[in-house]
Amino acid sequence: MFDYVDELAFTNDQGARAQKLFAAVVLAALDDAIADDKKYGNGPDVIARWARSRDGREVLMCAGIDPNERTVKGMMDFVRRGVRTSVALSREESERQHARAEAEAA
């Protein structure tokens, strides 16, 4: 009985690790598009083309992201902001954005 539970837990853990791997691929694609936007000015178009491609849709699905048009627009907006994913995911950037939103609301 315990072997079955251990096997089930291990399989579930492998799926979560695979999903995180694909999420890292999505973050790398966003970083590449931001770099293209700074260098060539076509970053949002690059990420939109990638997200709408067959490979992009497959990677997004494997990362647990629904590859619909709303997702593509959100990714394009993220690239337009030009904040790299490592910075955007940091606590300091989150606090800065929260403080900026509060200042705008006041």
PDB file of N, CA and C in Angstrom:
ATOM      1  N   MET A   1       0.810  -1.178   0.000  1.00  0.00           N
ATOM      2  CA  MET A   1       0.000   0.000   0.000  1.00  0.00           C
ATOM      3  C   MET A   1       0.864   1.256   0.000  1.00  0.00           C
ATOM      4  N   PHE A   2       1.905   1.292   0.811  1.00  0.00           N
ATOM      5  CA  PHE A   2       2.744   2.475   0.882  1.00  0.00           C
ATOM      6  C   PHE A   2       3.522   2.689  -0.413  1.00  0.00           C
ATOM      7  N   ASP A   3       3.828   1.599  -1.102  1.00  0.00           N
ATOM      8  CA  ASP A   3       4.522   1.733  -2.380  1.00  0.00           C
ATOM      9  C   ASP A   3       3.657   2.496  -3.384  1.00  0.00           C
ATOM     10  N   TYR A   4       2.368   2.208  -3.391  1.00  0.00           N
ATOM     11  CA  TYR A   4       1.451   2.899  -4.303  1.00  0.00           C
ATOM     12  C   TYR A   4       1.392   4.390  -3.974  1.00  0.00           C
ATOM     13  N   VAL A   5       1.305   4.725  -2.693  1.00  0.00           N
ATOM     14  CA  VAL A   5       1.237   6.126  -2.274  1.00  0.00           C
ATOM     15  C   VAL A   5       2.543   6.836  -2.625  1.00  0.00           C
ATOM     16  N   ASP A   6       3.670   6.197  -2.386  1.00  0.00           N
ATOM     17  CA  ASP A   6       4.962   6.791  -2.726  1.00  0.00           C
ATOM     18  C   ASP A   6       5.090   7.015  -4.224  1.00  0.00           C
ATOM     19  N   GLU A   7       4.636   6.050  -5.010  1.00  0.00           N
ATOM     20  CA  GLU A   7       4.704   6.169  -6.464  1.00  0.00           C
ATOM     21  C   GLU A   7       3.814   7.311  -6.956  1.00  0.00           C
ATOM     22  N   LEU A   8       2.625   7.415  -6.371  1.00  0.00           N
ATOM     23  CA  LEU A   8       1.698   8.479  -6.745  1.00  0.00           C
ATOM     24  C   LEU A   8       2.272   9.859  -6.387  1.00  0.00           C
ATOM     25  N   ALA A   9       2.865   9.966  -5.214  1.00  0.00           N
ATOM     26  CA  ALA A   9       3.462  11.236  -4.791  1.00  0.00           C
ATOM     27  C   ALA A   9       4.644  11.591  -5.685  1.00  0.00           C
ATOM     28  N   PHE A  10       5.464  10.615  -6.035  1.00  0.00           N
ATOM     29  CA  PHE A  10       6.614  10.868  -6.894  1.00  0.00           C
ATOM     30  C   PHE A  10       6.173  11.317  -8.281  1.00  0.00           C
ATOM     31  N   THR A  11       5.137  10.682  -8.822  1.00  0.00           N
ATOM     32  CA  THR A  11       4.625  11.050 -10.139  1.00  0.00           C
ATOM     33  C   THR A  11       4.072  12.469 -10.123  1.00  0.00           C
ATOM     34  N   ASN A  12       3.327  12.813  -9.083  1.00  0.00           N
ATOM     35  CA  ASN A  12       2.773  14.150  -8.964  1.00  0.00           C
ATOM     36  C   ASN A  12       3.892  15.191  -8.840  1.00  0.00           C
ATOM     37  N   ASP A  13       4.922  14.852  -8.088  1.00  0.00           N
ATOM     38  CA  ASP A  13       6.057  15.759  -7.915  1.00  0.00           C
ATOM     39  C   ASP A  13       6.785  15.962  -9.236  1.00  0.00           C
ATOM     40  N   GLN A  14       6.905  14.917 -10.033  1.00  0.00           N
ATOM     41  CA  GLN A  14       7.543  15.056 -11.347  1.00  0.00           C
ATOM     42  C   GLN A  14       6.738  15.988 -12.240  1.00  0.00           C
ATOM     43  N   GLY A  15       5.422  15.896 -12.189  1.00  0.00           N
ATOM     44  CA  GLY A  15       4.576  16.778 -12.989  1.00  0.00           C
ATOM     45  C   GLY A  15       4.741  18.230 -12.586  1.00  0.00           C
ATOM     46  N   ALA A  16       4.831  18.488 -11.298  1.00  0.00           N
ATOM     47  CA  ALA A  16       5.022  19.857 -10.818  1.00  0.00           C
ATOM     48  C   ALA A  16       6.374  20.392 -11.255  1.00  0.00           C
ATOM     49  N   ARG A  17       7.390  19.551 -11.225  1.00  0.00           N
ATOM     50  CA  ARG A  17       8.717  19.996 -11.668  1.00  0.00           C
ATOM     51  C   ARG A  17       8.731  20.281 -13.157  1.00  0.00           C
ATOM     52  N   ALA A  18       8.044  19.460 -13.932  1.00  0.00           N
ATOM     53  CA  ALA A  18       7.973  19.698 -15.372  1.00  0.00           C
ATOM     54  C   ALA A  18       7.230  21.001 -15.667  1.00  0.00           C
ATOM     55  N   GLN A  19       6.171  21.266 -14.933  1.00  0.00           N
ATOM     56  CA  GLN A  19       5.417  22.505 -15.128  1.00  0.00           C
ATOM     57  C   GLN A  19       6.291  23.715 -14.795  1.00  0.00           C
ATOM     58  N   LYS A  20       7.086  23.634 -13.738  1.00  0.00           N
ATOM     59  CA  LYS A  20       7.994  24.729 -13.385  1.00  0.00           C
ATOM     60  C   LYS A  20       9.054  24.927 -14.460  1.00  0.00           C
ATOM     61  N   LEU A  21       9.501  23.851 -15.064  1.00  0.00           N
ATOM     62  CA  LEU A  21      10.485  23.955 -16.137  1.00  0.00           C
ATOM     63  C   LEU A  21       9.900  24.712 -17.324  1.00  0.00           C
ATOM     64  N   PHE A  22       8.688  24.394 -17.704  1.00  0.00           N
ATOM     65  CA  PHE A  22       8.056  25.095 -18.820  1.00  0.00           C
ATOM     66  C   PHE A  22       7.750  26.552 -18.461  1.00  0.00           C
ATOM     67  N   ALA A  23       7.424  26.817 -17.193  1.00  0.00           N
ATOM     68  CA  ALA A  23       7.218  28.202 -16.760  1.00  0.00           C
ATOM     69  C   ALA A  23       8.519  28.989 -16.888  1.00  0.00           C
ATOM     70  N   ALA A  24       9.645  28.342 -16.616  1.00  0.00           N
ATOM     71  CA  ALA A  24      10.940  29.010 -16.780  1.00  0.00           C
ATOM     72  C   ALA A  24      11.211  29.319 -18.248  1.00  0.00           C
ATOM     73  N   VAL A  25      10.765  28.462 -19.146  1.00  0.00           N
ATOM     74  CA  VAL A  25      10.915  28.709 -20.579  1.00  0.00           C
ATOM     75  C   VAL A  25      10.088  29.935 -20.983  1.00  0.00           C
ATOM     76  N   VAL A  26       8.887  30.058 -20.425  1.00  0.00           N
ATOM     77  CA  VAL A  26       8.053  31.224 -20.723  1.00  0.00           C
ATOM     78  C   VAL A  26       8.731  32.493 -20.218  1.00  0.00           C
ATOM     79  N   LEU A  27       9.290  32.455 -19.019  1.00  0.00           N
ATOM     80  CA  LEU A  27       9.991  33.623 -18.483  1.00  0.00           C
ATOM     81  C   LEU A  27      11.203  33.983 -19.341  1.00  0.00           C
ATOM     82  N   ALA A  28      11.910  32.981 -19.831  1.00  0.00           N
ATOM     83  CA  ALA A  28      13.057  33.245 -20.704  1.00  0.00           C
ATOM     84  C   ALA A  28      12.603  33.870 -22.020  1.00  0.00           C
ATOM     85  N   ALA A  29      11.469  33.414 -22.546  1.00  0.00           N
ATOM     86  CA  ALA A  29      10.939  34.006 -23.783  1.00  0.00           C
ATOM     87  C   ALA A  29      10.564  35.464 -23.556  1.00  0.00           C
ATOM     88  N   LEU A  30       9.988  35.768 -22.391  1.00  0.00           N
ATOM     89  CA  LEU A  30       9.660  37.156 -22.071  1.00  0.00           C
ATOM     90  C   LEU A  30      10.929  38.008 -21.967  1.00  0.00           C
ATOM     91  N   ASP A  31      11.959  37.475 -21.320  1.00  0.00           N
ATOM     92  CA  ASP A  31      13.220  38.216 -21.215  1.00  0.00           C
ATOM     93  C   ASP A  31      13.843  38.458 -22.588  1.00  0.00           C
ATOM     94  N   ASP A  32      13.784  37.455 -23.448  1.00  0.00           N
ATOM     95  CA  ASP A  32      14.310  37.629 -24.811  1.00  0.00           C
ATOM     96  C   ASP A  32      13.543  38.692 -25.577  1.00  0.00           C
ATOM     97  N   ALA A  33      12.223  38.713 -25.409  1.00  0.00           N
ATOM     98  CA  ALA A  33      11.411  39.715 -26.096  1.00  0.00           C
ATOM     99  C   ALA A  33      11.699  41.111 -25.552  1.00  0.00           C
ATOM    100  N   ILE A  34      11.943  41.231 -24.253  1.00  0.00           N
ATOM    101  CA  ILE A  34      12.296  42.527 -23.665  1.00  0.00           C
ATOM    102  C   ILE A  34      13.634  42.997 -24.217  1.00  0.00           C
ATOM    103  N   ALA A  35      14.595  42.075 -24.342  1.00  0.00           N
ATOM    104  CA  ALA A  35      15.890  42.432 -24.918  1.00  0.00           C
ATOM    105  C   ALA A  35      15.729  42.868 -26.373  1.00  0.00           C
ATOM    106  N   ASP A  36      14.903  42.170 -27.133  1.00  0.00           N
ATOM    107  CA  ASP A  36      14.637  42.569 -28.521  1.00  0.00           C
ATOM    108  C   ASP A  36      13.964  43.933 -28.586  1.00  0.00           C
ATOM    109  N   ASP A  37      13.087  44.206 -27.624  1.00  0.00           N
ATOM    110  CA  ASP A  37      12.390  45.491 -27.615  1.00  0.00           C
ATOM    111  C   ASP A  37      13.372  46.631 -27.361  1.00  0.00           C
ATOM    112  N   LYS A  38      14.311  46.407 -26.453  1.00  0.00           N
ATOM    113  CA  LYS A  38      15.305  47.451 -26.170  1.00  0.00           C
ATOM    114  C   LYS A  38      16.274  47.631 -27.334  1.00  0.00           C
ATOM    115  N   LYS A  39      16.584  46.541 -28.027  1.00  0.00           N
ATOM    116  CA  LYS A  39      17.583  46.608 -29.103  1.00  0.00           C
ATOM    117  C   LYS A  39      16.965  47.000 -30.442  1.00  0.00           C
ATOM    118  N   TYR A  40      15.848  46.381 -30.802  1.00  0.00           N
ATOM    119  CA  TYR A  40      15.256  46.588 -32.127  1.00  0.00           C
ATOM    120  C   TYR A  40      13.903  47.288 -32.096  1.00  0.00           C
ATOM    121  N   GLY A  41      13.238  47.320 -30.924  1.00  0.00           N
ATOM    122  CA  GLY A  41      11.943  47.962 -30.823  1.00  0.00           C
ATOM    123  C   GLY A  41      10.763  47.107 -31.253  1.00  0.00           C
ATOM    124  N   ASN A  42      10.969  45.802 -31.375  1.00  0.00           N
ATOM    125  CA  ASN A  42       9.873  44.936 -31.824  1.00  0.00           C
ATOM    126  C   ASN A  42       9.547  43.818 -30.829  1.00  0.00           C
ATOM    127  N   GLY A  43       9.801  44.049 -29.561  1.00  0.00           N
ATOM    128  CA  GLY A  43       9.599  43.021 -28.539  1.00  0.00           C
ATOM    129  C   GLY A  43       8.169  42.514 -28.418  1.00  0.00           C
ATOM    130  N   PRO A  44       7.173  43.413 -28.340  1.00  0.00           N
ATOM    131  CA  PRO A  44       5.794  42.910 -28.223  1.00  0.00           C
ATOM    132  C   PRO A  44       5.369  42.062 -29.423  1.00  0.00           C
ATOM    133  N   ASP A  45       5.836  42.439 -30.613  1.00  0.00           N
ATOM    134  CA  ASP A  45       5.503  41.630 -31.793  1.00  0.00           C
ATOM    135  C   ASP A  45       6.165  40.258 -31.733  1.00  0.00           C
ATOM    136  N   VAL A  46       7.394  40.225 -31.218  1.00  0.00           N
ATOM    137  CA  VAL A  46       8.128  38.961 -31.123  1.00  0.00           C
ATOM    138  C   VAL A  46       7.425  38.006 -30.157  1.00  0.00           C
ATOM    139  N   ILE A  47       7.044  38.516 -28.971  1.00  0.00           N
ATOM    140  CA  ILE A  47       6.404  37.628 -27.995  1.00  0.00           C
ATOM    141  C   ILE A  47       5.021  37.204 -28.466  1.00  0.00           C
ATOM    142  N   ALA A  48       4.310  38.093 -29.165  1.00  0.00           N
ATOM    143  CA  ALA A  48       2.988  37.725 -29.683  1.00  0.00           C
ATOM    144  C   ALA A  48       3.111  36.643 -30.743  1.00  0.00           C
ATOM    145  N   ARG A  49       4.093  36.781 -31.613  1.00  0.00           N
ATOM    146  CA  ARG A  49       4.291  35.774 -32.658  1.00  0.00           C
ATOM    147  C   ARG A  49       4.646  34.431 -32.031  1.00  0.00           C
ATOM    148  N   TRP A  50       5.511  34.461 -30.999  1.00  0.00           N
ATOM    149  CA  TRP A  50       5.904  33.223 -30.339  1.00  0.00           C
ATOM    150  C   TRP A  50       4.703  32.594 -29.620  1.00  0.00           C
ATOM    151  N   ALA A  51       3.946  33.396 -28.883  1.00  0.00           N
ATOM    152  CA  ALA A  51       2.832  32.849 -28.098  1.00  0.00           C
ATOM    153  C   ALA A  51       1.721  32.299 -28.991  1.00  0.00           C
ATOM    154  N   ARG A  52       1.590  32.837 -30.187  1.00  0.00           N
ATOM    155  CA  ARG A  52       0.555  32.353 -31.107  1.00  0.00           C
ATOM    156  C   ARG A  52       1.031  31.173 -31.953  1.00  0.00           C
ATOM    157  N   SER A  53       2.334  30.916 -31.942  1.00  0.00           N
ATOM    158  CA  SER A  53       2.856  29.795 -32.730  1.00  0.00           C
ATOM    159  C   SER A  53       2.474  28.471 -32.072  1.00  0.00           C
ATOM    160  N   ARG A  54       2.614  27.414 -32.805  1.00  0.00           N
ATOM    161  CA  ARG A  54       2.282  26.089 -32.273  1.00  0.00           C
ATOM    162  C   ARG A  54       3.187  25.737 -31.094  1.00  0.00           C
ATOM    163  N   ASP A  55       4.478  25.995 -31.229  1.00  0.00           N
ATOM    164  CA  ASP A  55       5.405  25.700 -30.132  1.00  0.00           C
ATOM    165  C   ASP A  55       5.106  26.556 -28.910  1.00  0.00           C
ATOM    166  N   GLY A  56       4.828  27.830 -29.131  1.00  0.00           N
ATOM    167  CA  GLY A  56       4.523  28.717 -28.019  1.00  0.00           C
ATOM    168  C   GLY A  56       3.272  28.290 -27.278  1.00  0.00           C
ATOM    169  N   ARG A  57       2.239  27.935 -28.024  1.00  0.00           N
ATOM    170  CA  ARG A  57       1.001  27.474 -27.383  1.00  0.00           C
ATOM    171  C   ARG A  57       1.247  26.206 -26.580  1.00  0.00           C
ATOM    172  N   GLU A  58       2.059  25.312 -27.126  1.00  0.00           N
ATOM    173  CA  GLU A  58       2.362  24.058 -26.432  1.00  0.00           C
ATOM    174  C   GLU A  58       3.127  24.330 -25.134  1.00  0.00           C
ATOM    175  N   VAL A  59       4.111  25.221 -25.188  1.00  0.00           N
ATOM    176  CA  VAL A  59       4.887  25.556 -23.988  1.00  0.00           C
ATOM    177  C   VAL A  59       3.989  26.220 -22.949  1.00  0.00           C
ATOM    178  N   LEU A  60       3.139  27.141 -23.380  1.00  0.00           N
ATOM    179  CA  LEU A  60       2.230  27.802 -22.443  1.00  0.00           C
ATOM    180  C   LEU A  60       1.304  26.792 -21.778  1.00  0.00           C
ATOM    181  N   MET A  61       0.761  25.862 -22.548  1.00  0.00           N
ATOM    182  CA  MET A  61      -0.121  24.841 -21.969  1.00  0.00           C
ATOM    183  C   MET A  61       0.630  23.965 -20.976  1.00  0.00           C
ATOM    184  N   CYS A  62       1.847  23.577 -21.309  1.00  0.00           N
ATOM    185  CA  CYS A  62       2.626  22.742 -20.395  1.00  0.00           C
ATOM    186  C   CYS A  62       3.019  23.494 -19.131  1.00  0.00           C
ATOM    187  N   ALA A  63       3.092  24.829 -19.220  1.00  0.00           N
ATOM    188  CA  ALA A  63       3.391  25.649 -18.043  1.00  0.00           C
ATOM    189  C   ALA A  63       2.143  25.916 -17.216  1.00  0.00           C
ATOM    190  N   GLY A  64       0.986  25.458 -17.684  1.00  0.00           N
ATOM    191  CA  GLY A  64      -0.254  25.665 -16.955  1.00  0.00           C
ATOM    192  C   GLY A  64      -0.903  27.004 -17.255  1.00  0.00           C
ATOM    193  N   ILE A  65      -0.556  27.603 -18.407  1.00  0.00           N
ATOM    194  CA  ILE A  65      -1.100  28.900 -18.805  1.00  0.00           C
ATOM    195  C   ILE A  65      -2.011  28.673 -20.001  1.00  0.00           C
ATOM    196  N   ASP A  66      -3.216  29.232 -19.943  1.00  0.00           N
ATOM    197  CA  ASP A  66      -4.162  29.095 -21.041  1.00  0.00           C
ATOM    198  C   ASP A  66      -3.707  29.981 -22.202  1.00  0.00           C
ATOM    199  N   PRO A  67      -3.386  29.406 -23.360  1.00  0.00           N
ATOM    200  CA  PRO A  67      -2.845  30.203 -24.465  1.00  0.00           C
ATOM    201  C   PRO A  67      -3.931  30.913 -25.279  1.00  0.00           C
ATOM    202  N   ASN A  68      -4.641  31.849 -24.649  1.00  0.00           N
ATOM    203  CA  ASN A  68      -5.683  32.572 -25.364  1.00  0.00           C
ATOM    204  C   ASN A  68      -5.203  33.986 -25.702  1.00  0.00           C
ATOM    205  N   GLU A  69      -6.043  34.746 -26.346  1.00  0.00           N
ATOM    206  CA  GLU A  69      -5.647  36.082 -26.796  1.00  0.00           C
ATOM    207  C   GLU A  69      -5.421  37.029 -25.618  1.00  0.00           C
ATOM    208  N   ARG A  70      -6.158  36.837 -24.541  1.00  0.00           N
ATOM    209  CA  ARG A  70      -5.943  37.666 -23.361  1.00  0.00           C
ATOM    210  C   ARG A  70      -4.543  37.450 -22.787  1.00  0.00           C
ATOM    211  N   THR A  71      -4.079  36.221 -22.798  1.00  0.00           N
ATOM    212  CA  THR A  71      -2.737  35.916 -22.332  1.00  0.00           C
ATOM    213  C   THR A  71      -1.698  36.590 -23.218  1.00  0.00           C
ATOM    214  N   VAL A  72      -1.907  36.520 -24.528  1.00  0.00           N
ATOM    215  CA  VAL A  72      -0.965  37.135 -25.475  1.00  0.00           C
ATOM    216  C   VAL A  72      -0.894  38.636 -25.237  1.00  0.00           C
ATOM    217  N   LYS A  73      -2.044  39.273 -25.046  1.00  0.00           N
ATOM    218  CA  LYS A  73      -2.052  40.723 -24.802  1.00  0.00           C
ATOM    219  C   LYS A  73      -1.357  41.068 -23.496  1.00  0.00           C
ATOM    220  N   GLY A  74      -1.552  40.256 -22.477  1.00  0.00           N
ATOM    221  CA  GLY A  74      -0.870  40.479 -21.208  1.00  0.00           C
ATOM    222  C   GLY A  74       0.637  40.352 -21.335  1.00  0.00           C
ATOM    223  N   MET A  75       1.075  39.368 -22.110  1.00  0.00           N
ATOM    224  CA  MET A  75       2.510  39.204 -22.335  1.00  0.00           C
ATOM    225  C   MET A  75       3.074  40.386 -23.125  1.00  0.00           C
ATOM    226  N   MET A  76       2.322  40.867 -24.095  1.00  0.00           N
ATOM    227  CA  MET A  76       2.759  42.025 -24.878  1.00  0.00           C
ATOM    228  C   MET A  76       2.872  43.268 -23.982  1.00  0.00           C
ATOM    229  N   ASP A  77       1.898  43.469 -23.093  1.00  0.00           N
ATOM    230  CA  ASP A  77       1.955  44.602 -22.162  1.00  0.00           C
ATOM    231  C   ASP A  77       3.148  44.486 -21.224  1.00  0.00           C
ATOM    232  N   PHE A  78       3.428  43.264 -20.773  1.00  0.00           N
ATOM    233  CA  PHE A  78       4.579  43.043 -19.899  1.00  0.00           C
ATOM    234  C   PHE A  78       5.870  43.418 -20.610  1.00  0.00           C
ATOM    235  N   VAL A  79       5.989  43.031 -21.864  1.00  0.00           N
ATOM    236  CA  VAL A  79       7.202  43.347 -22.635  1.00  0.00           C
ATOM    237  C   VAL A  79       7.291  44.856 -22.865  1.00  0.00           C
ATOM    238  N   ARG A  80       6.172  45.500 -23.117  1.00  0.00           N
ATOM    239  CA  ARG A  80       6.186  46.963 -23.324  1.00  0.00           C
ATOM    240  C   ARG A  80       6.685  47.699 -22.092  1.00  0.00           C
ATOM    241  N   ARG A  81       6.370  47.183 -20.892  1.00  0.00           N
ATOM    242  CA  ARG A  81       6.841  47.833 -19.670  1.00  0.00           C
ATOM    243  C   ARG A  81       8.360  47.776 -19.560  1.00  0.00           C
ATOM    244  N   GLY A  82       8.960  46.737 -20.113  1.00  0.00           N
ATOM    245  CA  GLY A  82      10.418  46.645 -20.164  1.00  0.00           C
ATOM    246  C   GLY A  82      11.096  46.238 -18.875  1.00  0.00           C
ATOM    247  N   VAL A  83      10.367  45.718 -17.914  1.00  0.00           N
ATOM    248  CA  VAL A  83      10.957  45.265 -16.657  1.00  0.00           C
ATOM    249  C   VAL A  83      11.267  43.783 -16.787  1.00  0.00           C
ATOM    250  N   ARG A  84      12.519  43.425 -16.628  1.00  0.00           N
ATOM    251  CA  ARG A  84      12.909  42.022 -16.774  1.00  0.00           C
ATOM    252  C   ARG A  84      12.200  41.154 -15.734  1.00  0.00           C
ATOM    253  N   THR A  85      12.011  39.890 -16.064  1.00  0.00           N
ATOM    254  CA  THR A  85      11.220  39.012 -15.206  1.00  0.00           C
ATOM    255  C   THR A  85      11.863  38.825 -13.839  1.00  0.00           C
ATOM    256  N   SER A  86      13.178  38.751 -13.769  1.00  0.00           N
ATOM    257  CA  SER A  86      13.833  38.567 -12.474  1.00  0.00           C
ATOM    258  C   SER A  86      13.590  39.766 -11.570  1.00  0.00           C
ATOM    259  N   VAL A  87      13.526  40.955 -12.144  1.00  0.00           N
ATOM    260  CA  VAL A  87      13.258  42.162 -11.366  1.00  0.00           C
ATOM    261  C   VAL A  87      11.778  42.236 -11.014  1.00  0.00           C
ATOM    262  N   ALA A  88      10.918  41.918 -11.982  1.00  0.00           N
ATOM    263  CA  ALA A  88       9.467  42.000 -11.759  1.00  0.00           C
ATOM    264  C   ALA A  88       9.002  41.020 -10.682  1.00  0.00           C
ATOM    265  N   LEU A  89       9.686  39.913 -10.543  1.00  0.00           N
ATOM    266  CA  LEU A  89       9.301  38.912  -9.555  1.00  0.00           C
ATOM    267  C   LEU A  89       9.930  39.151  -8.184  1.00  0.00           C
ATOM    268  N   SER A  90      10.763  40.172  -8.080  1.00  0.00           N
ATOM    269  CA  SER A  90      11.432  40.443  -6.810  1.00  0.00           C
ATOM    270  C   SER A  90      10.491  41.187  -5.866  1.00  0.00           C
ATOM    271  N   ARG A  91      10.776  41.101  -4.612  1.00  0.00           N
ATOM    272  CA  ARG A  91       9.952  41.747  -3.596  1.00  0.00           C
ATOM    273  C   ARG A  91      10.051  43.267  -3.689  1.00  0.00           C
ATOM    274  N   GLU A  92      11.245  43.799  -3.982  1.00  0.00           N
ATOM    275  CA  GLU A  92      11.416  45.252  -4.049  1.00  0.00           C
ATOM    276  C   GLU A  92      10.557  45.858  -5.148  1.00  0.00           C
ATOM    277  N   GLU A  93      10.534  45.229  -6.295  1.00  0.00           N
ATOM    278  CA  GLU A  93       9.728  45.746  -7.408  1.00  0.00           C
ATOM    279  C   GLU A  93       8.248  45.686  -7.059  1.00  0.00           C
ATOM    280  N   SER A  94       7.833  44.625  -6.406  1.00  0.00           N
ATOM    281  CA  SER A  94       6.440  44.507  -5.999  1.00  0.00           C
ATOM    282  C   SER A  94       6.070  45.635  -5.031  1.00  0.00           C
ATOM    283  N   GLU A  95       6.953  45.925  -4.095  1.00  0.00           N
ATOM    284  CA  GLU A  95       6.688  47.005  -3.142  1.00  0.00           C
ATOM    285  C   GLU A  95       6.666  48.357  -3.842  1.00  0.00           C
ATOM    286  N   ARG A  96       7.562  48.562  -4.809  1.00  0.00           N
ATOM    287  CA  ARG A  96       7.581  49.819  -5.572  1.00  0.00           C
ATOM    288  C   ARG A  96       6.287  50.018  -6.344  1.00  0.00           C
ATOM    289  N   GLN A  97       5.819  48.962  -6.994  1.00  0.00           N
ATOM    290  CA  GLN A  97       4.578  49.061  -7.758  1.00  0.00           C
ATOM    291  C   GLN A  97       3.391  49.330  -6.845  1.00  0.00           C
ATOM    292  N   HIS A  98       3.386  48.693  -5.679  1.00  0.00           N
ATOM    293  CA  HIS A  98       2.301  48.908  -4.727  1.00  0.00           C
ATOM    294  C   HIS A  98       2.311  50.353  -4.227  1.00  0.00           C
ATOM    295  N   ALA A  99       3.496  50.875  -3.919  1.00  0.00           N
ATOM    296  CA  ALA A  99       3.602  52.258  -3.459  1.00  0.00           C
ATOM    297  C   ALA A  99       3.194  53.235  -4.572  1.00  0.00           C
ATOM    298  N   ARG A 100       3.560  52.929  -5.807  1.00  0.00           N
ATOM    299  CA  ARG A 100       3.179  53.778  -6.941  1.00  0.00           C
ATOM    300  C   ARG A 100       1.662  53.785  -7.121  1.00  0.00           C
ATOM    301  N   ALA A 101       1.038  52.618  -6.974  1.00  0.00           N
ATOM    302  CA  ALA A 101      -0.419  52.526  -7.109  1.00  0.00           C
ATOM    303  C   ALA A 101      -1.131  53.295  -6.005  1.00  0.00           C
ATOM    304  N   GLU A 102      -0.601  53.232  -4.783  1.00  0.00           N
ATOM    305  CA  GLU A 102      -1.188  53.985  -3.689  1.00  0.00           C
ATOM    306  C   GLU A 102      -1.041  55.480  -3.890  1.00  0.00           C
ATOM    307  N   ALA A 103       0.116  55.906  -4.420  1.00  0.00           N
ATOM    308  CA  ALA A 103       0.347  57.322  -4.666  1.00  0.00           C
ATOM    309  C   ALA A 103      -0.602  57.846  -5.754  1.00  0.00           C
ATOM    310  N   GLU A 104      -0.848  57.037  -6.768  1.00  0.00           N
ATOM    311  CA  GLU A 104      -1.765  57.439  -7.836  1.00  0.00           C
ATOM    312  C   GLU A 104      -3.207  57.499  -7.335  1.00  0.00           C
ATOM    313  N   ALA A 105      -3.546  56.611  -6.416  1.00  0.00           N
ATOM    314  CA  ALA A 105      -4.906  56.594  -5.882  1.00  0.00           C
ATOM    315  C   ALA A 105      -5.168  57.797  -4.957  1.00  0.00           C
ATOM    316  N   ALA A 106      -4.130  58.285  -4.331  1.00  0.00           N
ATOM    317  CA  ALA A 106      -4.298  59.423  -3.386  1.00  0.00           C
ATOM    318  C   ALA A 106      -4.360  60.765  -4.057  1.00  0.00           C
TER     319      ALA A 106
END
